[in-house]
Amino acid sequence: MGPLVRLDFAGGVARVTLNDPARLNAISYRMTQDFNQALDEAERSARALILTGEGRAFCSGAAVTEMDAWPPDALRTILNPLLTRLHDFKLPVVTVVNGLAAGFACSLALLGDIILAAENAYFLFAFSQVGLVPDGNASFLLPRLVGRVRSAELMLLGERLPANTALAWGLVNRVLPGPELEPEAMRLAQKLANGPASFAATRRLLWQGLEDDWLQHLEAEAVEQEAAQRTEDHREGVAAFKEKRSPRFMGR
């Protein structure tokens, strides 16, 4: 069996593909190992990340049929650290929901900075169907995005959330026909890859803003702005503005 996560590079963009289509890219213990390795290499070698799934699904969540193969504390020691790793990732992330995103995979998809979905894609918070509670911090994230009432409907009833409804609710940025997903993802990721080093700080501020109060976040912005002002990219941006040309950012 080949790698369960495939890593490809195009320019400054790393494309990470969950690669077990026969099982709808269900997350197994081995896949998490391949996933972490791919993220390590992407962070070293690229300036933007695309995350998607092979075949007709983005990801069907944790592999229920392999529960016995996981350590008893897998959520705390394996899955949650993987999710936090993507949350704290230094590169801007484009997630491409090319089909089903179920359970834990919903949280993976929603960690993207730009979230694209195929017209036939859908989210399924299926925890109640197997007698479980939400994980992947979905019960933290989802109410902040769509409110408690909509979150309760999705998590208690376990019904599909179609891509177009997710767009109307503000969960995804764009819904596209299947053949247009990859070209649009690459176009956006390339634009992000050409951006300044401050993108990493912008990611941090956007996530931190879900928890900070007003004064905390004013201070957080001030700290990050002071750091951004010391970068080569800031100097290049100012020079380009004065010279009336497009900036050439190097990510440092």
C-alpha atoms as a PDB file:
ATOM      1  CA  MET A   1       0.000   0.000   0.000  1.00  0.00           C
ATOM      2  CA  GLY A   2       1.287   3.449  -0.927  1.00  0.00           C
ATOM      3  CA  PRO A   3       1.212   6.572   1.221  1.00  0.00           C
ATOM      4  CA  LEU A   4      -2.170   7.413   2.689  1.00  0.00           C
ATOM      5  CA  VAL A   5      -1.376  11.108   2.306  1.00  0.00           C
ATOM      6  CA  ARG A   6       0.114  12.360  -0.944  1.00  0.00           C
ATOM      7  CA  LEU A   7       2.258  15.495  -1.091  1.00  0.00           C
ATOM      8  CA  ASP A   8       2.861  17.463  -4.291  1.00  0.00           C
ATOM      9  CA  PHE A   9       4.484  20.828  -4.919  1.00  0.00           C
ATOM     10  CA  ALA A  10       3.790  23.442  -7.573  1.00  0.00           C
ATOM     11  CA  GLY A  11       5.776  26.626  -7.209  1.00  0.00           C
ATOM     12  CA  GLY A  12       5.348  27.799  -3.647  1.00  0.00           C
ATOM     13  CA  VAL A  13       2.214  25.701  -3.080  1.00  0.00           C
ATOM     14  CA  ALA A  14       2.106  22.337  -1.293  1.00  0.00           C
ATOM     15  CA  ARG A  15      -0.883  20.132  -2.099  1.00  0.00           C
ATOM     16  CA  VAL A  16      -1.712  17.565   0.600  1.00  0.00           C
ATOM     17  CA  THR A  17      -4.206  14.913  -0.520  1.00  0.00           C
ATOM     18  CA  LEU A  18      -5.817  12.378   1.799  1.00  0.00           C
ATOM     19  CA  ASN A  19      -5.300   9.256  -0.264  1.00  0.00           C
ATOM     20  CA  ASP A  20      -7.475   6.309   0.747  1.00  0.00           C
ATOM     21  CA  PRO A  21     -10.423   6.702  -1.654  1.00  0.00           C
ATOM     22  CA  ALA A  22     -11.658   3.125  -1.224  1.00  0.00           C
ATOM     23  CA  ARG A  23     -12.568   4.066   2.376  1.00  0.00           C
ATOM     24  CA  LEU A  24     -13.593   7.634   1.561  1.00  0.00           C
ATOM     25  CA  ASN A  25     -10.275   8.810   3.013  1.00  0.00           C
ATOM     26  CA  ALA A  26     -11.199   7.755   6.546  1.00  0.00           C
ATOM     27  CA  ILE A  27      -8.518   8.805   9.015  1.00  0.00           C
ATOM     28  CA  SER A  28      -6.600   5.784  10.267  1.00  0.00           C
ATOM     29  CA  TYR A  29      -3.682   5.732  12.697  1.00  0.00           C
ATOM     30  CA  ARG A  30      -1.266   5.273   9.794  1.00  0.00           C
ATOM     31  CA  MET A  31      -2.840   8.161   7.878  1.00  0.00           C
ATOM     32  CA  THR A  32      -2.200  10.512  10.799  1.00  0.00           C
ATOM     33  CA  GLN A  33       1.492   9.611  10.661  1.00  0.00           C
ATOM     34  CA  ASP A  34       1.669  10.304   6.917  1.00  0.00           C
ATOM     35  CA  PHE A  35      -0.344  13.496   7.442  1.00  0.00           C
ATOM     36  CA  ASN A  36       2.073  14.875  10.033  1.00  0.00           C
ATOM     37  CA  GLN A  37       5.060  14.067   7.815  1.00  0.00           C
ATOM     38  CA  ALA A  38       3.432  15.860   4.878  1.00  0.00           C
ATOM     39  CA  LEU A  39       2.722  18.921   7.017  1.00  0.00           C
ATOM     40  CA  ASP A  40       6.345  18.966   8.217  1.00  0.00           C
ATOM     41  CA  GLU A  41       7.661  18.962   4.664  1.00  0.00           C
ATOM     42  CA  ALA A  42       5.088  21.464   3.425  1.00  0.00           C
ATOM     43  CA  GLU A  43       5.920  23.919   6.185  1.00  0.00           C
ATOM     44  CA  ARG A  44       9.630  23.654   5.356  1.00  0.00           C
ATOM     45  CA  SER A  45       9.330  23.951   1.586  1.00  0.00           C
ATOM     46  CA  ALA A  46       6.171  25.884   0.637  1.00  0.00           C
ATOM     47  CA  ARG A  47       4.425  29.175   1.284  1.00  0.00           C
ATOM     48  CA  ALA A  48       0.801  28.042   1.022  1.00  0.00           C
ATOM     49  CA  LEU A  49      -1.070  24.770   1.506  1.00  0.00           C
ATOM     50  CA  ILE A  50      -3.977  23.084  -0.283  1.00  0.00           C
ATOM     51  CA  LEU A  51      -5.721  20.277   1.629  1.00  0.00           C
ATOM     52  CA  THR A  52      -8.128  17.973  -0.200  1.00  0.00           C
ATOM     53  CA  GLY A  53      -9.192  14.341  -0.606  1.00  0.00           C
ATOM     54  CA  GLU A  54      -8.743  11.803  -3.379  1.00  0.00           C
ATOM     55  CA  GLY A  55     -11.806  10.483  -5.185  1.00  0.00           C
ATOM     56  CA  ARG A  56     -15.388  11.305  -4.270  1.00  0.00           C
ATOM     57  CA  ALA A  57     -14.891  12.332  -0.639  1.00  0.00           C
ATOM     58  CA  PHE A  58     -12.876  14.872   1.281  1.00  0.00           C
ATOM     59  CA  CYS A  59     -12.775  12.630   4.339  1.00  0.00           C
ATOM     60  CA  SER A  60     -15.284  10.406   6.135  1.00  0.00           C
ATOM     61  CA  GLY A  61     -13.830  11.140   9.576  1.00  0.00           C
ATOM     62  CA  ALA A  62     -11.996   8.797  11.912  1.00  0.00           C
ATOM     63  CA  ALA A  63     -11.951   5.190  10.689  1.00  0.00           C
ATOM     64  CA  VAL A  64     -14.668   3.616  12.843  1.00  0.00           C
ATOM     65  CA  THR A  65     -13.735   0.100  11.667  1.00  0.00           C
ATOM     66  CA  GLU A  66     -10.213   0.593  13.066  1.00  0.00           C
ATOM     67  CA  MET A  67     -11.135   1.876  16.518  1.00  0.00           C
ATOM     68  CA  ASP A  68      -9.498  -1.151  18.132  1.00  0.00           C
ATOM     69  CA  ALA A  69      -6.184  -0.250  16.484  1.00  0.00           C
ATOM     70  CA  TRP A  70      -6.070   3.189  18.094  1.00  0.00           C
ATOM     71  CA  PRO A  71      -4.617   3.725  21.559  1.00  0.00           C
ATOM     72  CA  PRO A  72      -7.341   4.387  24.169  1.00  0.00           C
ATOM     73  CA  ASP A  73      -6.307   8.054  24.457  1.00  0.00           C
ATOM     74  CA  ALA A  74      -6.004   8.582  20.680  1.00  0.00           C
ATOM     75  CA  LEU A  75      -8.184  11.671  20.692  1.00  0.00           C
ATOM     76  CA  ARG A  76      -5.908  13.453  23.179  1.00  0.00           C
ATOM     77  CA  THR A  77      -2.576  12.132  21.907  1.00  0.00           C
ATOM     78  CA  ILE A  78      -3.035  11.799  18.122  1.00  0.00           C
ATOM     79  CA  LEU A  79      -6.122  13.422  16.615  1.00  0.00           C
ATOM     80  CA  ASN A  80      -6.334  16.582  18.708  1.00  0.00           C
ATOM     81  CA  PRO A  81      -2.614  17.386  18.233  1.00  0.00           C
ATOM     82  CA  LEU A  82      -3.039  16.897  14.469  1.00  0.00           C
ATOM     83  CA  LEU A  83      -5.969  19.309  14.445  1.00  0.00           C
ATOM     84  CA  THR A  84      -4.093  21.837  16.585  1.00  0.00           C
ATOM     85  CA  ARG A  85      -1.105  21.509  14.265  1.00  0.00           C
ATOM     86  CA  LEU A  86      -3.247  22.607  11.326  1.00  0.00           C
ATOM     87  CA  HIS A  87      -4.892  25.346  13.429  1.00  0.00           C
ATOM     88  CA  ASP A  88      -1.431  26.743  14.284  1.00  0.00           C
ATOM     89  CA  PHE A  89       0.048  26.170  10.817  1.00  0.00           C
ATOM     90  CA  LYS A  90       2.396  28.918   9.644  1.00  0.00           C
ATOM     91  CA  LEU A  91       1.193  28.848   6.037  1.00  0.00           C
ATOM     92  CA  PRO A  92      -2.182  30.034   4.720  1.00  0.00           C
ATOM     93  CA  VAL A  93      -4.439  27.047   4.059  1.00  0.00           C
ATOM     94  CA  VAL A  94      -6.959  26.425   1.271  1.00  0.00           C
ATOM     95  CA  THR A  95      -9.246  23.467   1.962  1.00  0.00           C
ATOM     96  CA  VAL A  96     -11.011  21.864  -0.979  1.00  0.00           C
ATOM     97  CA  VAL A  97     -14.097  19.906   0.104  1.00  0.00           C
ATOM     98  CA  ASN A  98     -14.520  17.763  -2.990  1.00  0.00           C
ATOM     99  CA  GLY A  99     -17.262  15.551  -1.516  1.00  0.00           C
ATOM    100  CA  LEU A 100     -18.344  14.210   1.857  1.00  0.00           C
ATOM    101  CA  ALA A 101     -16.782  15.731   4.995  1.00  0.00           C
ATOM    102  CA  ALA A 102     -17.989  13.782   8.037  1.00  0.00           C
ATOM    103  CA  GLY A 103     -17.299  13.886  11.771  1.00  0.00           C
ATOM    104  CA  PHE A 104     -13.741  14.895  12.626  1.00  0.00           C
ATOM    105  CA  ALA A 105     -13.185  15.819   8.969  1.00  0.00           C
ATOM    106  CA  CYS A 106     -15.647  18.710   9.263  1.00  0.00           C
ATOM    107  CA  SER A 107     -13.237  20.380  11.668  1.00  0.00           C
ATOM    108  CA  LEU A 108     -10.292  19.712   9.355  1.00  0.00           C
ATOM    109  CA  ALA A 109     -12.134  21.343   6.479  1.00  0.00           C
ATOM    110  CA  LEU A 110     -13.227  24.347   8.531  1.00  0.00           C
ATOM    111  CA  LEU A 111      -9.633  25.101   9.559  1.00  0.00           C
ATOM    112  CA  GLY A 112      -8.955  26.425   6.069  1.00  0.00           C
ATOM    113  CA  ASP A 113      -8.480  30.155   5.605  1.00  0.00           C
ATOM    114  CA  ILE A 114     -10.188  29.821   2.242  1.00  0.00           C
ATOM    115  CA  ILE A 115     -12.723  26.972   1.993  1.00  0.00           C
ATOM    116  CA  LEU A 116     -13.917  25.768  -1.393  1.00  0.00           C
ATOM    117  CA  ALA A 117     -16.632  23.157  -1.862  1.00  0.00           C
ATOM    118  CA  ALA A 118     -17.922  21.182  -4.815  1.00  0.00           C
ATOM    119  CA  GLU A 119     -21.585  21.628  -5.694  1.00  0.00           C
ATOM    120  CA  ASN A 120     -22.311  18.063  -4.589  1.00  0.00           C
ATOM    121  CA  ALA A 121     -20.224  18.253  -1.399  1.00  0.00           C
ATOM    122  CA  TYR A 122     -21.797  18.134   2.041  1.00  0.00           C
ATOM    123  CA  PHE A 123     -20.889  18.239   5.723  1.00  0.00           C
ATOM    124  CA  LEU A 124     -22.172  15.584   8.107  1.00  0.00           C
ATOM    125  CA  PHE A 125     -21.702  15.946  11.855  1.00  0.00           C
ATOM    126  CA  ALA A 126     -22.465  12.258  12.269  1.00  0.00           C
ATOM    127  CA  PHE A 127     -21.384  11.754  15.892  1.00  0.00           C
ATOM    128  CA  SER A 128     -24.886  11.071  17.207  1.00  0.00           C
ATOM    129  CA  GLN A 129     -25.376   8.305  14.634  1.00  0.00           C
ATOM    130  CA  VAL A 130     -22.741   6.204  16.403  1.00  0.00           C
ATOM    131  CA  GLY A 131     -23.658   7.298  19.937  1.00  0.00           C
ATOM    132  CA  LEU A 132     -20.809   9.788  20.368  1.00  0.00           C
ATOM    133  CA  VAL A 133     -20.446  13.474  21.145  1.00  0.00           C
ATOM    134  CA  PRO A 134     -18.778  15.968  18.791  1.00  0.00           C
ATOM    135  CA  ASP A 135     -14.992  16.041  18.768  1.00  0.00           C
ATOM    136  CA  GLY A 136     -12.331  17.853  16.798  1.00  0.00           C
ATOM    137  CA  ASN A 137     -13.408  20.930  18.803  1.00  0.00           C
ATOM    138  CA  ALA A 138     -16.496  21.108  16.570  1.00  0.00           C
ATOM    139  CA  SER A 139     -18.687  22.119  19.517  1.00  0.00           C
ATOM    140  CA  PHE A 140     -16.331  25.084  20.078  1.00  0.00           C
ATOM    141  CA  LEU A 141     -15.880  26.102  16.462  1.00  0.00           C
ATOM    142  CA  LEU A 142     -19.286  25.604  14.881  1.00  0.00           C
ATOM    143  CA  PRO A 143     -21.391  27.784  17.256  1.00  0.00           C
ATOM    144  CA  ARG A 144     -18.932  30.637  16.676  1.00  0.00           C
ATOM    145  CA  LEU A 145     -19.448  30.313  12.929  1.00  0.00           C
ATOM    146  CA  VAL A 146     -23.168  29.612  12.576  1.00  0.00           C
ATOM    147  CA  GLY A 147     -24.670  30.059  16.071  1.00  0.00           C
ATOM    148  CA  ARG A 148     -25.831  27.631  18.752  1.00  0.00           C
ATOM    149  CA  VAL A 149     -29.251  26.817  17.278  1.00  0.00           C
ATOM    150  CA  ARG A 150     -27.957  25.816  13.845  1.00  0.00           C
ATOM    151  CA  SER A 151     -25.111  23.920  15.489  1.00  0.00           C
ATOM    152  CA  ALA A 152     -27.564  21.994  17.664  1.00  0.00           C
ATOM    153  CA  GLU A 153     -29.606  21.049  14.603  1.00  0.00           C
ATOM    154  CA  LEU A 154     -26.550  19.752  12.760  1.00  0.00           C
ATOM    155  CA  MET A 155     -25.098  17.857  15.703  1.00  0.00           C
ATOM    156  CA  LEU A 156     -28.250  16.427  17.288  1.00  0.00           C
ATOM    157  CA  LEU A 157     -30.156  15.477  14.151  1.00  0.00           C
ATOM    158  CA  GLY A 158     -27.076  14.401  12.200  1.00  0.00           C
ATOM    159  CA  GLU A 159     -28.507  15.571   8.884  1.00  0.00           C
ATOM    160  CA  ARG A 160     -26.519  16.557   5.811  1.00  0.00           C
ATOM    161  CA  LEU A 161     -25.492  20.175   5.347  1.00  0.00           C
ATOM    162  CA  PRO A 162     -25.285  20.698   1.559  1.00  0.00           C
ATOM    163  CA  ALA A 163     -22.551  22.899   0.136  1.00  0.00           C
ATOM    164  CA  ASN A 164     -24.904  25.663  -0.980  1.00  0.00           C
ATOM    165  CA  THR A 165     -26.463  25.888   2.487  1.00  0.00           C
ATOM    166  CA  ALA A 166     -22.980  25.947   4.021  1.00  0.00           C
ATOM    167  CA  LEU A 167     -22.206  28.871   1.696  1.00  0.00           C
ATOM    168  CA  ALA A 168     -25.368  30.718   2.742  1.00  0.00           C
ATOM    169  CA  TRP A 169     -24.485  30.161   6.423  1.00  0.00           C
ATOM    170  CA  GLY A 170     -20.931  31.454   5.957  1.00  0.00           C
ATOM    171  CA  LEU A 171     -19.119  28.143   6.485  1.00  0.00           C
ATOM    172  CA  VAL A 172     -17.427  28.094   3.070  1.00  0.00           C
ATOM    173  CA  ASN A 173     -16.125  30.800   0.760  1.00  0.00           C
ATOM    174  CA  ARG A 174     -17.172  29.441  -2.623  1.00  0.00           C
ATOM    175  CA  VAL A 175     -19.143  26.576  -4.168  1.00  0.00           C
ATOM    176  CA  LEU A 176     -17.989  25.453  -7.604  1.00  0.00           C
ATOM    177  CA  PRO A 177     -18.652  22.729 -10.172  1.00  0.00           C
ATOM    178  CA  GLY A 178     -16.292  19.806  -9.576  1.00  0.00           C
ATOM    179  CA  PRO A 179     -13.994  20.465 -12.568  1.00  0.00           C
ATOM    180  CA  GLU A 180     -13.432  24.056 -11.448  1.00  0.00           C
ATOM    181  CA  LEU A 181     -12.321  23.219  -7.899  1.00  0.00           C
ATOM    182  CA  GLU A 182      -8.665  22.397  -8.491  1.00  0.00           C
ATOM    183  CA  PRO A 183      -7.873  25.297 -10.855  1.00  0.00           C
ATOM    184  CA  GLU A 184      -9.517  27.773  -8.473  1.00  0.00           C
ATOM    185  CA  ALA A 185      -7.771  26.265  -5.445  1.00  0.00           C
ATOM    186  CA  MET A 186      -4.398  26.534  -7.157  1.00  0.00           C
ATOM    187  CA  ARG A 187      -5.082  30.098  -8.307  1.00  0.00           C
ATOM    188  CA  LEU A 188      -5.960  31.200  -4.779  1.00  0.00           C
ATOM    189  CA  ALA A 189      -3.152  29.238  -3.133  1.00  0.00           C
ATOM    190  CA  GLN A 190      -0.615  30.698  -5.542  1.00  0.00           C
ATOM    191  CA  LYS A 191      -1.853  34.178  -4.694  1.00  0.00           C
ATOM    192  CA  LEU A 192      -1.438  33.385  -0.996  1.00  0.00           C
ATOM    193  CA  ALA A 193       2.003  31.884  -1.610  1.00  0.00           C
ATOM    194  CA  ASN A 194       3.096  35.169  -3.161  1.00  0.00           C
ATOM    195  CA  GLY A 195       2.004  37.100  -0.080  1.00  0.00           C
ATOM    196  CA  PRO A 196       4.012  38.497   2.837  1.00  0.00           C
ATOM    197  CA  ALA A 197       5.367  36.775   5.930  1.00  0.00           C
ATOM    198  CA  SER A 198       2.667  38.539   7.953  1.00  0.00           C
ATOM    199  CA  PHE A 199       0.085  36.000   6.719  1.00  0.00           C
ATOM    200  CA  ALA A 200       1.110  33.678   9.568  1.00  0.00           C
ATOM    201  CA  ALA A 201       0.356  36.387  12.113  1.00  0.00           C
ATOM    202  CA  THR A 202      -2.928  37.222  10.393  1.00  0.00           C
ATOM    203  CA  ARG A 203      -3.963  33.556  10.767  1.00  0.00           C
ATOM    204  CA  ARG A 204      -3.116  33.666  14.467  1.00  0.00           C
ATOM    205  CA  LEU A 205      -5.069  36.873  15.019  1.00  0.00           C
ATOM    206  CA  LEU A 206      -8.175  35.579  13.265  1.00  0.00           C
ATOM    207  CA  TRP A 207      -8.287  32.443  15.416  1.00  0.00           C
ATOM    208  CA  GLN A 208      -7.360  34.315  18.580  1.00  0.00           C
ATOM    209  CA  GLY A 209     -10.167  36.788  17.907  1.00  0.00           C
ATOM    210  CA  LEU A 210     -12.717  34.024  18.551  1.00  0.00           C
ATOM    211  CA  GLU A 211     -11.661  33.996  22.203  1.00  0.00           C
ATOM    212  CA  ASP A 212     -10.144  37.380  23.131  1.00  0.00           C
ATOM    213  CA  ASP A 213     -12.000  40.288  24.614  1.00  0.00           C
ATOM    214  CA  TRP A 214     -11.683  43.760  23.047  1.00  0.00           C
ATOM    215  CA  LEU A 215      -8.622  44.961  24.993  1.00  0.00           C
ATOM    216  CA  GLN A 216      -6.804  41.626  24.729  1.00  0.00           C
ATOM    217  CA  HIS A 217      -7.155  41.655  20.977  1.00  0.00           C
ATOM    218  CA  LEU A 218      -6.063  45.263  20.580  1.00  0.00           C
ATOM    219  CA  GLU A 219      -2.855  44.296  22.388  1.00  0.00           C
ATOM    220  CA  ALA A 220      -2.431  41.130  20.300  1.00  0.00           C
ATOM    221  CA  GLU A 221      -2.724  43.150  17.098  1.00  0.00           C
ATOM    222  CA  ALA A 222      -0.173  45.678  18.371  1.00  0.00           C
ATOM    223  CA  VAL A 223       2.339  42.931  19.194  1.00  0.00           C
ATOM    224  CA  GLU A 224       1.944  41.268  15.789  1.00  0.00           C
ATOM    225  CA  GLN A 225       2.106  44.612  13.964  1.00  0.00           C
ATOM    226  CA  GLU A 226       5.370  45.517  15.666  1.00  0.00           C
ATOM    227  CA  ALA A 227       6.824  42.189  14.526  1.00  0.00           C
ATOM    228  CA  ALA A 228       5.501  42.634  10.972  1.00  0.00           C
ATOM    229  CA  GLN A 229       7.117  46.063  10.736  1.00  0.00           C
ATOM    230  CA  ARG A 230      10.526  44.417  11.208  1.00  0.00           C
ATOM    231  CA  THR A 231      10.164  42.044   8.226  1.00  0.00           C
ATOM    232  CA  GLU A 232      11.816  42.361   4.832  1.00  0.00           C
ATOM    233  CA  ASP A 233       8.373  42.026   3.267  1.00  0.00           C
ATOM    234  CA  HIS A 234       7.172  45.177   5.028  1.00  0.00           C
ATOM    235  CA  ARG A 235      10.159  47.108   3.716  1.00  0.00           C
ATOM    236  CA  GLU A 236       9.497  45.754   0.232  1.00  0.00           C
ATOM    237  CA  GLY A 237       5.801  46.656   0.468  1.00  0.00           C
ATOM    238  CA  VAL A 238       6.602  50.254   1.426  1.00  0.00           C
ATOM    239  CA  ALA A 239       9.205  50.538  -1.337  1.00  0.00           C
ATOM    240  CA  ALA A 240       6.782  49.147  -3.922  1.00  0.00           C
ATOM    241  CA  PHE A 241       4.096  51.608  -2.803  1.00  0.00           C
ATOM    242  CA  LYS A 242       6.460  54.555  -3.176  1.00  0.00           C
ATOM    243  CA  GLU A 243       7.696  53.313  -6.570  1.00  0.00           C
ATOM    244  CA  LYS A 244       4.150  52.615  -7.799  1.00  0.00           C
ATOM    245  CA  ARG A 245       4.794  48.937  -8.586  1.00  0.00           C
ATOM    246  CA  SER A 246       3.580  45.565  -7.375  1.00  0.00           C
ATOM    247  CA  PRO A 247       5.479  44.238  -4.335  1.00  0.00           C
ATOM    248  CA  ARG A 248       7.681  41.148  -4.626  1.00  0.00           C
ATOM    249  CA  PHE A 249       7.266  39.439  -1.277  1.00  0.00           C
ATOM    250  CA  MET A 250       9.704  36.694  -0.234  1.00  0.00           C
ATOM    251  CA  GLY A 251       7.910  35.424   2.883  1.00  0.00           C
ATOM    252  CA  ARG A 252      10.426  36.801   5.341  1.00  0.00           C
END
